[in-house]
Amino acid sequence: MNILKVIMFMFVLSVVLQAAYGQHHIRCIPKERDALLQFKAAIVDDFGMLSSWTTPDCCQWEGIRCTNLTAHIISIHLPGQYHYPYLSLSGIYKVSRRYISGEIHKSLMELRHLQYLNLSLNDFTDTNIPEFLGSLTNLRYLDLSSCHFGGQIPSQISSLSHLKYLNVARNYYLEGSIPPQLGNLSRLQYLDLSRNSFEGYIPSQLGNLSNLHKLYLGGYDSALKIVSSDQWLSNLNSLTHLSFNSISNFYSSPSYLRTIAKLPKLRELNLIDCGLSYHFLLSFNPSNFNFSTSLSVLYLSGNSFTQPMIFQWLSNPTSNLVELDLNGNLLKGSTSNHFGLAMNSLEHLDLSYNVFKGEDLKSFMNICTLRSLYMFENNMTEDLSSILHNLSSGCVRYSLQQLCLRNNQIRGSVPDLSAFSNLKKLDLSYNLLSGKIPEGTRLPSHLEQLLIVSNSLEGGVPKSFGSTCTLELLHLSFNKLSEDLTVIFNHLSGCSRYSLREIYLGQNKVNGTLPDFSIFAKLETLDLSINQISGTLPNTLKLLPSLKRLYLDNNKLNGTISEDLRFPSELEELSLMSNSLKGSEQMFTNMELSLLKSIDLSNNQLSGEIPKEIEGLFGLVSLNLSRNQLKGKIPSNVGELTSLEFLDLSRNQLVGSIPSSLALIDRLTMLDLSHNYLSGKIPTGTQLQSFDSSKYEDNVDLCGPPLTK
């Protein structure tokens, strides 16, 4: 009997576990799964963001989250990805994106329990924000920013009574007026309507959003206006962040600023491009005007302040400011020392794109908390030692960590810099500094980055620079340095050899041969391009374990890239163009270069066939072997280099047909096969026919589109 009970118990347990197991793996509600599939059917998914949307359990799909209790879908998180324009390895500025496009299908109405919807950074061009979103009454979070929506914000959004977060920023084709019904969203804590094409007056109903913490309006030549008599802002006592960027008539409504100043919790205020000027300040008496003591960040860039009165105006009310941005005004002249003494919390000050002179820096020497000072593109024409003396005479020399004086007309030589004991970054680029850096010139003991690009410095690098044990970046490109390269690296071989990660000495007149770099164990980037360096490539290059980028182009290097030469295994970019290097098809035989993304060996004296090892560099983005003496055929498997964007094999002696596999590389944006001995028909492929015919010219026996023969 006991055995029977045990058997029955085990049977019941197995049934329960099996049910639980099945529920765990397929718990998606069929009706909601169908709704998602209809949504997917209306989407163009070129980047495979919805590739997981095929399995039975939609709760396991990318971007989908279900509640554990009921299995209802409560979250859709499908933001695109965007990386700002960058110079790609192929030499072309690119934008890296991953997104969905198409339209948002009304099937999402079936997701009645949805609380979170994020579709930001996708591309819904030529569509409007769907009205049906107003029926998703359980939504707490809605982000539709940067989606290229047009039309107007549907008033139905105001039905989302539980909504706490609403972001429709950066939809440049959104137009019309801001719906006053948004004032019904009484639980809203975050509202971003910035960088659209709204016009008209900001509705006073926004004053009903008493729980609002962050409010962003205007931006990018906004046509929004404020009604000077409205006091709706005074109701937003929970507001911590406020942006009125580019509100076109803000300058005519001083009463608004008085209202803003009384907001008790305001921490960040953005009044960029609001047309504020000296005359606006005359509306206020600094002695009886005070911002809330909570204000710590103030952005006033892009206005028309010209007088240093702005500093007097800020001295009393904003003693708790941590960050102040006044870049892009027309400020000039010095202010009183009182400003420096009053700013007893200020850490970041941006005065770039103004008209300050070097002597005006005296005004900031007593800001004892200042960590960052940006003053690029002003009107500083004095000697550098004089300018730095104006700063170092006060306590700021102990607190300053970043100092940017680039794009001025600062003269003189590089003085001793050790007075700024905690400075981590110094940028003196694009000035008129000249002469040799005096031997014994000391750097700040904690300096990590030194940039003196595009000046007229001569000589070499003083030995004292090598004693800066924290130095990670040394950028002295575009000068007139002419010292022997071995001497320069000997001077850097103090304790800085343990910290240096990037050395840029390109576009100088540095001479000599390549020394042994192996003691610089952390070096990741070495740029010695466009100099007068001669000799051969040393085998010691392989001893740089961290080296990722090596630029030796436009020098006088000679010798052979042989199978005995080794490059670092971590190397990603290699440029040896415009030297006198020789090599053959064996030159990459024994190299482990699986991470290599860019190779430029153009304009050398390479001979033989294209090395077959190149076919195995599957991460290769850019390959330039032009202007050499290469013979033989283009490797037949070149099409396996699917990441290739740039391929230049022009001006060689290549023969045979163009491999058909080349047509399979859909990322190719630049191709040049001209001035060879290629023959046959150009393979049919969208990419190959899209290039200009000049990229195939001077191949006598080559035919087919885009050629006319």
Foldseek 3Di string as FASTA:
>chain_A
DVVVVVVVVVVVVVVVVVVVVVCVVQVADVLVLVLVVVQVVQKAFPPCQQVQSPDRHPCPTPQWHADPPRRQTATGAFEKDWDPWDQDLQRDTDIDIGAMEGDGDLSCLVSLNHAYYARHNHEDAPAADDLSVLSNQNHQEDAHDHHLHAEEDDLSVLSNQNHAYYHHYHNARHEEAHDLSVLSNQNHAYYAPENYAYAEEHDLSVLSNQNHAEYAYYDDQHRYEYDLPRLSLLSNLNYAYYEPANRAAVLVRLVVVQSQQPNQRHAEYHHANHQHEPVSCVVDDLVPGARHQNHAYYEHANYAYAEPVVLVSCLPRHLNHAEYEHDHYAYEDADDLSSLVSVQRYAYYEHAHYAYELLNLLSNLNNLQYAEYHHEPYAYQEEPVSSVCSNLVHNVLANYAYYAHAHYAHEEEDAAAQSSQRHAEYAHAHYAYEEEHDAPRAHRLQYAEYHHEAYAYEEEDHLNCLQNLRHAYDAHANYAYAEEPVVRVVSNLHNVLARYAEYAHYHYAHEEEDDQSLSSQNHAYDHHEQYAYEEEDDLNQQNNQRHAYYHHDNYAYEEELALPREHHLNYAEDAHEDYAYEYELNNCVPYNNLNHAYYHHDQYAYEYANHPVVLNNLNHAEYHHYHYAYEEADDQSNLSNLNYAYEEHYHYAYEEEDHLSVLNNPNHPYAAHYHYQYADEHHDHPVVQPDDCNSHYPNVHYDYHPDPD
